[in-house]
C-alpha atoms as a PDB file:
ATOM      1  CA  ILE A   1       6.988 -67.097 -18.590  1.00  0.00           C
ATOM      2  CA  ILE A   2       5.757 -70.550 -17.709  1.00  0.00           C
ATOM      3  CA  PHE A   3       7.837 -72.692 -15.369  1.00  0.00           C
ATOM      4  CA  PHE A   4       7.823 -76.496 -15.423  1.00  0.00           C
ATOM      5  CA  GLN A   5       9.479 -78.825 -12.966  1.00  0.00           C
ATOM      6  CA  GLN A   6      10.415 -82.160 -14.561  1.00  0.00           C
ATOM      7  CA  ASP A   7      13.348 -84.498 -14.932  1.00  0.00           C
ATOM      8  CA  MET A   8      15.354 -83.056 -17.818  1.00  0.00           C
ATOM      9  CA  CYS A   9      16.128 -86.594 -18.998  1.00  0.00           C
ATOM     10  CA  SER A  10      12.456 -87.253 -19.784  1.00  0.00           C
ATOM     11  CA  LEU A  11      10.758 -83.940 -20.525  1.00  0.00           C
ATOM     12  CA  SER A  12       7.121 -83.938 -21.583  1.00  0.00           C
ATOM     13  CA  LEU A  13       5.938 -80.388 -22.183  1.00  0.00           C
ATOM     14  CA  GLY A  14       3.693 -80.824 -25.213  1.00  0.00           C
ATOM     15  CA  GLY A  15       5.205 -78.203 -27.474  1.00  0.00           C
ATOM     16  CA  GLU A  16       8.222 -76.593 -29.052  1.00  0.00           C
ATOM     17  CA  PHE A  17      10.128 -73.619 -27.698  1.00  0.00           C
ATOM     18  CA  ASN A  18      12.225 -71.008 -29.469  1.00  0.00           C
ATOM     19  CA  LEU A  19      14.564 -70.500 -26.507  1.00  0.00           C
ATOM     20  CA  ILE A  20      15.577 -73.040 -23.885  1.00  0.00           C
ATOM     21  CA  LEU A  21      17.816 -72.092 -20.967  1.00  0.00           C
ATOM     22  CA  CYS A  22      19.817 -74.517 -18.895  1.00  0.00           C
ATOM     23  CA  PRO A  23      20.946 -72.039 -16.198  1.00  0.00           C
ATOM     24  CA  PHE A  24      22.710 -72.249 -12.843  1.00  0.00           C
ATOM     25  CA  CYS A  25      24.977 -75.089 -13.993  1.00  0.00           C
ATOM     26  CA  THR A  26      21.992 -77.456 -14.041  1.00  0.00           C
ATOM     27  CA  PHE A  27      23.569 -79.677 -16.684  1.00  0.00           C
ATOM     28  CA  ASN A  28      26.545 -80.278 -14.368  1.00  0.00           C
ATOM     29  CA  PHE A  29      24.248 -82.173 -11.976  1.00  0.00           C
ATOM     30  CA  LEU A  30      23.955 -84.964 -14.566  1.00  0.00           C
ATOM     31  CA  LEU A  31      26.855 -87.115 -13.396  1.00  0.00           C
ATOM     32  CA  SER A  32      27.000 -89.732 -16.149  1.00  0.00           C
ATOM     33  CA  ILE A  33      27.395 -89.425 -19.899  1.00  0.00           C
ATOM     34  CA  GLU A  34      24.314 -91.638 -20.297  1.00  0.00           C
ATOM     35  CA  LYS A  35      22.156 -89.168 -18.327  1.00  0.00           C
ATOM     36  CA  GLN A  36      23.656 -86.249 -20.252  1.00  0.00           C
ATOM     37  CA  ARG A  37      22.748 -87.921 -23.571  1.00  0.00           C
ATOM     38  CA  GLU A  38      19.235 -88.683 -22.314  1.00  0.00           C
ATOM     39  CA  ALA A  39      18.767 -85.033 -21.360  1.00  0.00           C
ATOM     40  CA  LEU A  40      20.075 -83.697 -24.670  1.00  0.00           C
ATOM     41  CA  LEU A  41      17.851 -86.059 -26.655  1.00  0.00           C
ATOM     42  CA  SER A  42      14.857 -85.179 -24.471  1.00  0.00           C
ATOM     43  CA  ILE A  43      15.490 -81.458 -24.998  1.00  0.00           C
ATOM     44  CA  ARG A  44      15.757 -82.010 -28.779  1.00  0.00           C
ATOM     45  CA  ASN A  45      12.081 -83.026 -28.769  1.00  0.00           C
ATOM     46  CA  LEU A  46      11.187 -79.520 -27.563  1.00  0.00           C
ATOM     47  CA  MET A  47      13.067 -77.727 -30.333  1.00  0.00           C
ATOM     48  CA  ASN A  48      12.406 -76.713 -33.915  1.00  0.00           C
ATOM     49  CA  LYS A  49      14.842 -75.547 -36.593  1.00  0.00           C
ATOM     50  CA  LYS A  50      14.783 -71.963 -35.215  1.00  0.00           C
ATOM     51  CA  SER A  51      15.206 -72.922 -31.549  1.00  0.00           C
ATOM     52  CA  LYS A  52      18.260 -72.064 -29.496  1.00  0.00           C
ATOM     53  CA  ILE A  53      19.471 -73.528 -26.230  1.00  0.00           C
ATOM     54  CA  ILE A  54      21.906 -71.855 -23.852  1.00  0.00           C
ATOM     55  CA  PHE A  55      23.939 -73.867 -21.347  1.00  0.00           C
ATOM     56  CA  ASP A  56      25.698 -72.402 -18.306  1.00  0.00           C
ATOM     57  CA  ILE A  57      28.382 -74.952 -17.441  1.00  0.00           C
ATOM     58  CA  LEU A  58      30.813 -75.164 -14.507  1.00  0.00           C
ATOM     59  CA  THR A  59      34.470 -75.618 -15.329  1.00  0.00           C
ATOM     60  CA  THR A  60      37.383 -76.455 -13.064  1.00  0.00           C
ATOM     61  CA  ASN A  61      38.106 -72.704 -13.026  1.00  0.00           C
ATOM     62  CA  THR A  62      34.709 -71.755 -11.569  1.00  0.00           C
ATOM     63  CA  PHE A  63      35.882 -72.455  -8.014  1.00  0.00           C
ATOM     64  CA  PRO A  64      39.610 -73.208  -8.394  1.00  0.00           C
ATOM     65  CA  SER A  65      40.567 -73.068  -4.724  1.00  0.00           C
ATOM     66  CA  THR A  66      37.795 -75.477  -3.716  1.00  0.00           C
ATOM     67  CA  LEU A  67      39.400 -78.288  -5.712  1.00  0.00           C
ATOM     68  CA  GLU A  68      42.549 -78.224  -3.600  1.00  0.00           C
ATOM     69  CA  ASP A  69      41.311 -78.156  -0.003  1.00  0.00           C
ATOM     70  CA  ASN A  70      38.810 -80.682   1.308  1.00  0.00           C
ATOM     71  CA  SER A  71      38.940 -79.756   4.988  1.00  0.00           C
ATOM     72  CA  LEU A  72      35.750 -78.704   6.732  1.00  0.00           C
ATOM     73  CA  LYS A  73      35.738 -74.942   6.984  1.00  0.00           C
ATOM     74  CA  TYR A  74      33.466 -72.094   7.921  1.00  0.00           C
ATOM     75  CA  PHE A  75      31.768 -70.669   4.838  1.00  0.00           C
ATOM     76  CA  ASP A  76      29.164 -68.111   5.883  1.00  0.00           C
ATOM     77  CA  SER A  77      26.463 -67.216   8.355  1.00  0.00           C
ATOM     78  CA  CYS A  78      23.016 -65.726   8.085  1.00  0.00           C
ATOM     79  CA  GLU A  79      20.158 -64.688  10.282  1.00  0.00           C
ATOM     80  CA  ALA A  80      16.548 -65.666   9.837  1.00  0.00           C
ATOM     81  CA  TYR A  81      14.140 -62.973  10.843  1.00  0.00           C
ATOM     82  CA  ILE A  82      11.822 -65.359  12.645  1.00  0.00           C
ATOM     83  CA  ASP A  83      12.316 -66.421  16.255  1.00  0.00           C
ATOM     84  CA  ASP A  84      15.926 -65.156  16.534  1.00  0.00           C
ATOM     85  CA  VAL A  85      17.279 -68.035  14.426  1.00  0.00           C
ATOM     86  CA  TYR A  86      20.874 -67.858  13.243  1.00  0.00           C
ATOM     87  CA  PHE A  87      22.638 -70.251  10.861  1.00  0.00           C
ATOM     88  CA  GLU A  88      26.306 -71.038  10.347  1.00  0.00           C
ATOM     89  CA  ILE A  89      27.299 -72.749   7.127  1.00  0.00           C
ATOM     90  CA  TYR A  90      30.318 -75.052   6.858  1.00  0.00           C
ATOM     91  CA  ILE A  91      31.541 -76.748   3.702  1.00  0.00           C
ATOM     92  CA  SER A  92      33.896 -79.525   2.742  1.00  0.00           C
ATOM     93  CA  ASN A  93      34.884 -80.072  -0.894  1.00  0.00           C
ATOM     94  CA  SER A  94      36.457 -82.938  -2.746  1.00  0.00           C
ATOM     95  CA  PHE A  95      37.273 -83.521  -6.397  1.00  0.00           C
ATOM     96  CA  ASP A  96      37.488 -86.910  -8.096  1.00  0.00           C
ATOM     97  CA  GLN A  97      39.642 -85.982 -11.070  1.00  0.00           C
ATOM     98  CA  SER A  98      39.314 -89.355 -12.820  1.00  0.00           C
ATOM     99  CA  ASN A  99      35.526 -88.949 -13.065  1.00  0.00           C
ATOM    100  CA  GLN A 100      35.511 -85.124 -13.084  1.00  0.00           C
ATOM    101  CA  ILE A 101      33.110 -85.131 -10.103  1.00  0.00           C
ATOM    102  CA  PHE A 102      33.155 -82.222  -7.666  1.00  0.00           C
ATOM    103  CA  LYS A 103      31.447 -83.014  -4.360  1.00  0.00           C
ATOM    104  CA  GLN A 104      30.511 -80.445  -1.762  1.00  0.00           C
ATOM    105  CA  GLU A 105      29.251 -81.343   1.692  1.00  0.00           C
ATOM    106  CA  ARG A 106      27.304 -78.526   3.334  1.00  0.00           C
ATOM    107  CA  TYR A 107      26.480 -78.395   7.015  1.00  0.00           C
ATOM    108  CA  TYR A 108      23.993 -75.865   8.361  1.00  0.00           C
ATOM    109  CA  ARG A 109      24.083 -75.324  12.101  1.00  0.00           C
ATOM    110  CA  GLU A 110      21.000 -73.719  13.570  1.00  0.00           C
ATOM    111  CA  TYR A 111      21.032 -71.578  16.696  1.00  0.00           C
ATOM    112  CA  LYS A 112      17.971 -70.184  18.482  1.00  0.00           C
ATOM    113  CA  ASN A 113      18.543 -67.379  20.927  1.00  0.00           C
ATOM    114  CA  GLY A 114      22.266 -68.145  20.750  1.00  0.00           C
ATOM    115  CA  ILE A 115      21.855 -71.855  21.622  1.00  0.00           C
ATOM    116  CA  PHE A 116      22.720 -74.636  19.164  1.00  0.00           C
ATOM    117  CA  THR A 117      19.532 -76.532  18.226  1.00  0.00           C
ATOM    118  CA  LYS A 118      20.179 -78.712  15.142  1.00  0.00           C
ATOM    119  CA  GLU A 119      22.410 -79.438  12.222  1.00  0.00           C
ATOM    120  CA  TYR A 120      21.324 -80.061   8.641  1.00  0.00           C
ATOM    121  CA  HIS A 121      23.478 -81.746   6.026  1.00  0.00           C
ATOM    122  CA  THR A 122      23.307 -81.852   2.241  1.00  0.00           C
ATOM    123  CA  THR A 123      25.616 -83.202  -0.440  1.00  0.00           C
ATOM    124  CA  MET A 124      25.904 -81.673  -3.892  1.00  0.00           C
ATOM    125  CA  LYS A 125      27.699 -83.365  -6.759  1.00  0.00           C
ATOM    126  CA  ASN A 126      28.588 -81.775 -10.080  1.00  0.00           C
ATOM    127  CA  ARG A 127      30.452 -83.128 -13.072  1.00  0.00           C
ATOM    128  CA  PHE A 128      32.894 -80.739 -14.687  1.00  0.00           C
ATOM    129  CA  PHE A 129      33.264 -80.669 -18.469  1.00  0.00           C
ATOM    130  CA  LEU A 130      36.208 -80.067 -20.707  1.00  0.00           C
ATOM    131  CA  ILE A 131      35.188 -77.953 -23.680  1.00  0.00           C
ATOM    132  CA  GLY A 132      36.075 -80.599 -26.273  1.00  0.00           C
ATOM    133  CA  GLU A 133      34.083 -83.214 -24.398  1.00  0.00           C
ATOM    134  CA  PHE A 134      30.997 -80.984 -24.277  1.00  0.00           C
ATOM    135  CA  GLN A 135      31.328 -80.090 -27.973  1.00  0.00           C
ATOM    136  CA  LEU A 136      31.521 -83.783 -28.885  1.00  0.00           C
ATOM    137  CA  LEU A 137      28.510 -84.629 -26.716  1.00  0.00           C
ATOM    138  CA  LEU A 138      26.420 -81.903 -28.341  1.00  0.00           C
ATOM    139  CA  ARG A 139      27.454 -82.954 -31.844  1.00  0.00           C
ATOM    140  CA  GLU A 140      26.679 -86.627 -31.292  1.00  0.00           C
ATOM    141  CA  CYS A 141      23.212 -85.680 -29.969  1.00  0.00           C
ATOM    142  CA  GLY A 142      22.417 -83.599 -33.045  1.00  0.00           C
ATOM    143  CA  TYR A 143      23.274 -80.062 -31.963  1.00  0.00           C
ATOM    144  CA  LYS A 144      25.310 -77.365 -33.670  1.00  0.00           C
ATOM    145  CA  ILE A 145      27.219 -74.850 -31.559  1.00  0.00           C
ATOM    146  CA  LEU A 146      26.589 -71.213 -32.438  1.00  0.00           C
ATOM    147  CA  ASN A 147      28.715 -69.452 -29.803  1.00  0.00           C
ATOM    148  CA  ILE A 148      30.976 -70.274 -26.881  1.00  0.00           C
ATOM    149  CA  TYR A 149      31.807 -67.784 -24.120  1.00  0.00           C
ATOM    150  CA  GLY A 150      34.009 -67.924 -21.043  1.00  0.00           C
ATOM    151  CA  ASP A 151      31.919 -65.760 -18.736  1.00  0.00           C
ATOM    152  CA  TYR A 152      28.702 -63.750 -18.456  1.00  0.00           C
ATOM    153  CA  ASN A 153      30.323 -60.777 -20.223  1.00  0.00           C
ATOM    154  CA  PHE A 154      30.566 -62.822 -23.463  1.00  0.00           C
ATOM    155  CA  SER A 155      34.355 -63.009 -23.314  1.00  0.00           C
ATOM    156  CA  SER A 156      36.043 -65.639 -25.452  1.00  0.00           C
ATOM    157  CA  PHE A 157      36.482 -68.996 -23.764  1.00  0.00           C
ATOM    158  CA  SER A 158      40.041 -69.792 -22.660  1.00  0.00           C
ATOM    159  CA  ASN A 159      41.818 -72.214 -20.335  1.00  0.00           C
ATOM    160  CA  ILE A 160      41.291 -69.764 -17.432  1.00  0.00           C
ATOM    161  CA  SER A 161      37.596 -69.001 -18.057  1.00  0.00           C
ATOM    162  CA  PRO A 162      35.395 -69.299 -14.964  1.00  0.00           C
ATOM    163  CA  ASN A 163      32.391 -70.507 -16.985  1.00  0.00           C
ATOM    164  CA  LEU A 164      31.509 -72.274 -20.183  1.00  0.00           C
ATOM    165  CA  ILE A 165      28.487 -70.607 -21.784  1.00  0.00           C
ATOM    166  CA  VAL A 166      27.344 -72.448 -24.904  1.00  0.00           C
ATOM    167  CA  GLU A 167      24.666 -71.318 -27.338  1.00  0.00           C
ATOM    168  CA  ALA A 168      23.500 -74.109 -29.655  1.00  0.00           C
ATOM    169  CA  THR A 169      20.768 -75.069 -32.074  1.00  0.00           C
ATOM    170  CA  LEU A 170      19.725 -78.233 -33.851  1.00  0.00           C
ATOM    171  CA  ALA A 171      22.056 -79.505 -36.561  1.00  0.00           C
ATOM    172  CA  ILE A 172      19.485 -79.935 -39.311  1.00  0.00           C
END
């Protein structure tokens, strides 16, 4: 396995691949349809007529309760095994339904020897897809869908599926 780190909207890998994975809801981080099209067209350049691509896509059912409550709340804690460092993690979620953007604010509070030392903050934004929208996007970028699943057990996709797993190839 060879790993590359590049912008998926402008890939330059110098070859074709038989299998391309878009795991961990990576495609959801592309917030605009323009960026999504750029990525799909860029990926096309890495494929041949036998290639397959598999997308792991978030849906509004992946984290249903997080769409309703945007208050800051305790999420988790963990210990680092260096210098008695302890972290608390707090999250705040919001969902912009008109743009299908899910935003999560994460705050990491660091404690050394039981004393608060610093706080780190990061914001993650994901764009949720409706299945018809994703099918249309793939079709208009020259892909053909082979299979659609609703979870990692290959169950059929339904309106309560926690994931949207799509296997596609080029529409030649």
